[in-house]
Amino acid sequence: MPRPTPHDGRVSTKQTVEELLRRIAEGDPERIGQMFADEVDWKVDWPEGDYSRTVPWIRHRSTRADAADNFREIGEHHVPGESTVRVDAVLVDGPDAVALGELAHTAKPTGRSYSGGYALRVTVVDGSITRFHVYEDSLAVARAFGVVQVHDR
């Protein structure tokens, strides 16, 4: 399915972001990837370092194909049916948007669950996503995947 297009042929930032979030909820990496431009300013907010062995989707990305791979890897490393993502608000200013919400997943390798708030910053140009920055509780993800030891208090 192509990107959303309103009657006048222009695609709004809000429509594009809402369609992206719908496709993410459906979980089809190829359809999600179709939403992205050829080149993407990509950032997942983690401390510097190489987490790719333990949390494979946390790595440098910059293309439409990389975007599809990101969502494929997220799906492969979480327990099916044990993920929820809630969108609380989508704020739009011209080509820029921020989605705010809560997410919860269970890490497949460890069986540990994690949850927390997120902010997703997106820029849309001509109906394609050119910027994708995710800010989430990276410590909770790291603990769930065993990157950081969990200490009982």
C-alpha atoms as a PDB file:
ATOM      1  CA  MET A   1       0.000   0.000   0.000  1.00  0.00           C
ATOM      2  CA  PRO A   2       1.440   3.400  -0.924  1.00  0.00           C
ATOM      3  CA  ARG A   3       1.713   6.328   1.452  1.00  0.00           C
ATOM      4  CA  PRO A   4      -1.547   8.099   2.372  1.00  0.00           C
ATOM      5  CA  THR A   5      -2.683  10.842  -0.011  1.00  0.00           C
ATOM      6  CA  PRO A   6      -5.506  13.302   0.616  1.00  0.00           C
ATOM      7  CA  HIS A   7      -7.819  14.494  -2.160  1.00  0.00           C
ATOM      8  CA  ASP A   8      -5.651  17.454  -3.162  1.00  0.00           C
ATOM      9  CA  GLY A   9      -2.587  15.230  -3.675  1.00  0.00           C
ATOM     10  CA  ARG A  10      -0.646  16.619  -0.708  1.00  0.00           C
ATOM     11  CA  VAL A  11       0.156  14.439   2.263  1.00  0.00           C
ATOM     12  CA  SER A  12       0.000  16.091   5.664  1.00  0.00           C
ATOM     13  CA  THR A  13       2.485  15.420   8.423  1.00  0.00           C
ATOM     14  CA  LYS A  14      -0.335  14.329  10.727  1.00  0.00           C
ATOM     15  CA  GLN A  15      -1.723  11.846   8.179  1.00  0.00           C
ATOM     16  CA  THR A  16       1.729  10.404   7.556  1.00  0.00           C
ATOM     17  CA  VAL A  17       2.524   9.993  11.259  1.00  0.00           C
ATOM     18  CA  GLU A  18      -0.872   8.441  11.984  1.00  0.00           C
ATOM     19  CA  GLU A  19      -0.359   5.991   9.117  1.00  0.00           C
ATOM     20  CA  LEU A  20       3.150   5.163  10.381  1.00  0.00           C
ATOM     21  CA  LEU A  21       1.813   4.449  13.874  1.00  0.00           C
ATOM     22  CA  ARG A  22      -0.978   2.293  12.420  1.00  0.00           C
ATOM     23  CA  ARG A  23       1.531   0.258  10.407  1.00  0.00           C
ATOM     24  CA  ILE A  24       3.820  -0.127  13.425  1.00  0.00           C
ATOM     25  CA  ALA A  25       0.831  -1.460  15.404  1.00  0.00           C
ATOM     26  CA  GLU A  26       0.133  -3.948  12.589  1.00  0.00           C
ATOM     27  CA  GLY A  27       3.756  -5.111  12.742  1.00  0.00           C
ATOM     28  CA  ASP A  28       4.553  -5.485   9.019  1.00  0.00           C
ATOM     29  CA  PRO A  29       8.184  -4.305   8.572  1.00  0.00           C
ATOM     30  CA  GLU A  30       7.938  -3.991   4.778  1.00  0.00           C
ATOM     31  CA  ARG A  31       4.855  -1.758   4.959  1.00  0.00           C
ATOM     32  CA  ILE A  32       6.473   0.306   7.709  1.00  0.00           C
ATOM     33  CA  GLY A  33       9.614   0.707   5.575  1.00  0.00           C
ATOM     34  CA  GLN A  34       7.529   2.077   2.685  1.00  0.00           C
ATOM     35  CA  MET A  35       6.811   5.159   4.797  1.00  0.00           C
ATOM     36  CA  PHE A  36      10.464   6.262   4.845  1.00  0.00           C
ATOM     37  CA  ALA A  37      12.512   8.341   2.405  1.00  0.00           C
ATOM     38  CA  ASP A  38      15.519   6.790   0.674  1.00  0.00           C
ATOM     39  CA  GLU A  39      17.798   8.493   3.236  1.00  0.00           C
ATOM     40  CA  VAL A  40      16.736   8.916   6.867  1.00  0.00           C
ATOM     41  CA  ASP A  41      18.171  10.858   9.807  1.00  0.00           C
ATOM     42  CA  TRP A  42      17.889   7.988  12.305  1.00  0.00           C
ATOM     43  CA  LYS A  43      18.495   8.048  16.045  1.00  0.00           C
ATOM     44  CA  VAL A  44      17.596   5.750  18.892  1.00  0.00           C
ATOM     45  CA  ASP A  45      18.544   7.505  22.120  1.00  0.00           C
ATOM     46  CA  TRP A  46      21.067   5.248  23.835  1.00  0.00           C
ATOM     47  CA  PRO A  47      24.402   5.948  25.469  1.00  0.00           C
ATOM     48  CA  GLU A  48      27.383   5.606  23.160  1.00  0.00           C
ATOM     49  CA  GLY A  49      28.492   2.026  22.655  1.00  0.00           C
ATOM     50  CA  ASP A  50      27.852  -1.112  20.649  1.00  0.00           C
ATOM     51  CA  TYR A  51      24.684  -2.853  21.824  1.00  0.00           C
ATOM     52  CA  SER A  52      24.075  -4.789  18.611  1.00  0.00           C
ATOM     53  CA  ARG A  53      24.976  -8.198  20.060  1.00  0.00           C
ATOM     54  CA  THR A  54      22.441  -7.958  22.875  1.00  0.00           C
ATOM     55  CA  VAL A  55      19.896  -5.467  21.497  1.00  0.00           C
ATOM     56  CA  PRO A  56      20.311  -5.904  17.717  1.00  0.00           C
ATOM     57  CA  TRP A  57      18.069  -3.076  16.537  1.00  0.00           C
ATOM     58  CA  ILE A  58      20.117  -0.485  18.462  1.00  0.00           C
ATOM     59  CA  ARG A  59      22.625   0.485  15.774  1.00  0.00           C
ATOM     60  CA  HIS A  60      23.299   3.069  13.114  1.00  0.00           C
ATOM     61  CA  ARG A  61      20.703   3.224  10.343  1.00  0.00           C
ATOM     62  CA  SER A  62      20.154   5.643   7.490  1.00  0.00           C
ATOM     63  CA  THR A  63      18.002   4.139   4.714  1.00  0.00           C
ATOM     64  CA  ARG A  64      14.470   2.944   3.957  1.00  0.00           C
ATOM     65  CA  ALA A  65      15.732  -0.666   3.980  1.00  0.00           C
ATOM     66  CA  ASP A  66      17.344  -0.042   7.389  1.00  0.00           C
ATOM     67  CA  ALA A  67      13.978   1.166   8.703  1.00  0.00           C
ATOM     68  CA  ALA A  68      12.264  -2.065   7.640  1.00  0.00           C
ATOM     69  CA  ASP A  69      15.130  -4.077   9.177  1.00  0.00           C
ATOM     70  CA  ASN A  70      14.740  -2.186  12.461  1.00  0.00           C
ATOM     71  CA  PHE A  71      11.116  -3.209  12.848  1.00  0.00           C
ATOM     72  CA  ARG A  72      11.838  -6.753  11.684  1.00  0.00           C
ATOM     73  CA  GLU A  73      14.549  -7.087  14.362  1.00  0.00           C
ATOM     74  CA  ILE A  74      12.308  -5.610  17.056  1.00  0.00           C
ATOM     75  CA  GLY A  75       9.658  -8.221  16.211  1.00  0.00           C
ATOM     76  CA  GLU A  76      12.175 -11.073  16.203  1.00  0.00           C
ATOM     77  CA  HIS A  77      13.513 -10.212  19.669  1.00  0.00           C
ATOM     78  CA  HIS A  78      10.235  -9.782  21.546  1.00  0.00           C
ATOM     79  CA  VAL A  79       7.694 -12.389  22.636  1.00  0.00           C
ATOM     80  CA  PRO A  80       4.745 -12.339  20.191  1.00  0.00           C
ATOM     81  CA  GLY A  81       1.504 -11.190  21.771  1.00  0.00           C
ATOM     82  CA  GLU A  82       3.263  -9.648  24.780  1.00  0.00           C
ATOM     83  CA  SER A  83       3.754  -6.143  23.411  1.00  0.00           C
ATOM     84  CA  THR A  84       1.568  -3.078  23.710  1.00  0.00           C
ATOM     85  CA  VAL A  85       2.129   0.433  22.449  1.00  0.00           C
ATOM     86  CA  ARG A  86      -0.171   3.275  23.405  1.00  0.00           C
ATOM     87  CA  VAL A  87      -0.173   6.660  21.691  1.00  0.00           C
ATOM     88  CA  ASP A  88      -1.251   9.448  24.046  1.00  0.00           C
ATOM     89  CA  ALA A  89      -0.685  12.453  21.776  1.00  0.00           C
ATOM     90  CA  VAL A  90       0.642  13.470  18.378  1.00  0.00           C
ATOM     91  CA  LEU A  91       1.873  17.068  18.233  1.00  0.00           C
ATOM     92  CA  VAL A  92       2.480  18.590  14.788  1.00  0.00           C
ATOM     93  CA  ASP A  93       4.328  21.742  13.717  1.00  0.00           C
ATOM     94  CA  GLY A  94       4.709  21.957   9.935  1.00  0.00           C
ATOM     95  CA  PRO A  95       6.816  19.022   8.731  1.00  0.00           C
ATOM     96  CA  ASP A  96       7.734  17.988  12.297  1.00  0.00           C
ATOM     97  CA  ALA A  97       5.757  15.806  14.684  1.00  0.00           C
ATOM     98  CA  VAL A  98       6.224  14.247  18.093  1.00  0.00           C
ATOM     99  CA  ALA A  99       4.265  11.216  19.262  1.00  0.00           C
ATOM    100  CA  LEU A 100       4.115  10.574  23.007  1.00  0.00           C
ATOM    101  CA  GLY A 101       2.982   7.382  24.668  1.00  0.00           C
ATOM    102  CA  GLU A 102       3.714   4.250  26.663  1.00  0.00           C
ATOM    103  CA  LEU A 103       5.074   0.898  25.551  1.00  0.00           C
ATOM    104  CA  ALA A 104       5.498  -2.539  27.102  1.00  0.00           C
ATOM    105  CA  HIS A 105       7.335  -5.553  25.683  1.00  0.00           C
ATOM    106  CA  THR A 106       8.809  -8.865  26.793  1.00  0.00           C
ATOM    107  CA  ALA A 107      12.374  -9.650  25.699  1.00  0.00           C
ATOM    108  CA  LYS A 108      12.475 -13.038  23.972  1.00  0.00           C
ATOM    109  CA  PRO A 109      16.061 -13.969  25.018  1.00  0.00           C
ATOM    110  CA  THR A 110      15.470 -13.426  28.757  1.00  0.00           C
ATOM    111  CA  GLY A 111      11.701 -13.517  29.250  1.00  0.00           C
ATOM    112  CA  ARG A 112      11.945 -10.220  31.138  1.00  0.00           C
ATOM    113  CA  SER A 113       9.320  -7.577  30.510  1.00  0.00           C
ATOM    114  CA  TYR A 114       9.866  -3.840  30.423  1.00  0.00           C
ATOM    115  CA  SER A 115       7.689  -0.775  30.036  1.00  0.00           C
ATOM    116  CA  GLY A 116       7.948   2.976  29.975  1.00  0.00           C
ATOM    117  CA  GLY A 117       7.172   6.187  28.207  1.00  0.00           C
ATOM    118  CA  TYR A 118       8.498   7.131  24.798  1.00  0.00           C
ATOM    119  CA  ALA A 119       8.757  10.154  22.548  1.00  0.00           C
ATOM    120  CA  LEU A 120       9.063   9.719  18.792  1.00  0.00           C
ATOM    121  CA  ARG A 121      10.259  12.716  16.759  1.00  0.00           C
ATOM    122  CA  VAL A 122       9.468  12.518  13.057  1.00  0.00           C
ATOM    123  CA  THR A 123       9.989  14.863  10.111  1.00  0.00           C
ATOM    124  CA  VAL A 124       7.912  14.387   6.967  1.00  0.00           C
ATOM    125  CA  VAL A 125       8.912  15.756   3.554  1.00  0.00           C
ATOM    126  CA  ASP A 126       6.661  15.125   0.539  1.00  0.00           C
ATOM    127  CA  GLY A 127       4.850  12.348   2.400  1.00  0.00           C
ATOM    128  CA  SER A 128       8.028  10.463   3.350  1.00  0.00           C
ATOM    129  CA  ILE A 129       9.655  10.217   6.761  1.00  0.00           C
ATOM    130  CA  THR A 130      13.090  11.835   6.642  1.00  0.00           C
ATOM    131  CA  ARG A 131      13.801  11.938  10.387  1.00  0.00           C
ATOM    132  CA  PHE A 132      13.060   9.215  12.942  1.00  0.00           C
ATOM    133  CA  HIS A 133      14.338   9.800  16.481  1.00  0.00           C
ATOM    134  CA  VAL A 134      13.180   7.609  19.375  1.00  0.00           C
ATOM    135  CA  TYR A 135      13.594   8.546  23.031  1.00  0.00           C
ATOM    136  CA  GLU A 136      12.718   5.773  25.477  1.00  0.00           C
ATOM    137  CA  ASP A 137      13.821   4.245  28.766  1.00  0.00           C
ATOM    138  CA  SER A 138      16.989   2.632  27.437  1.00  0.00           C
ATOM    139  CA  LEU A 139      17.954   1.415  30.922  1.00  0.00           C
ATOM    140  CA  ALA A 140      14.729  -0.625  31.148  1.00  0.00           C
ATOM    141  CA  VAL A 141      15.414  -2.139  27.711  1.00  0.00           C
ATOM    142  CA  ALA A 142      19.045  -2.863  28.646  1.00  0.00           C
ATOM    143  CA  ARG A 143      17.966  -4.598  31.855  1.00  0.00           C
ATOM    144  CA  ALA A 144      15.338  -6.687  30.059  1.00  0.00           C
ATOM    145  CA  PHE A 145      17.887  -7.854  27.492  1.00  0.00           C
ATOM    146  CA  GLY A 146      20.615  -8.499  30.057  1.00  0.00           C
ATOM    147  CA  VAL A 147      22.927  -5.667  28.973  1.00  0.00           C
ATOM    148  CA  VAL A 148      22.777  -4.254  32.509  1.00  0.00           C
ATOM    149  CA  GLN A 149      22.488  -6.436  35.600  1.00  0.00           C
ATOM    150  CA  VAL A 150      19.249  -6.174  37.541  1.00  0.00           C
ATOM    151  CA  HIS A 151      19.905  -5.729  41.256  1.00  0.00           C
ATOM    152  CA  ASP A 152      17.280  -6.469  43.873  1.00  0.00           C
ATOM    153  CA  ARG A 153      16.960  -3.930  46.643  1.00  0.00           C
END
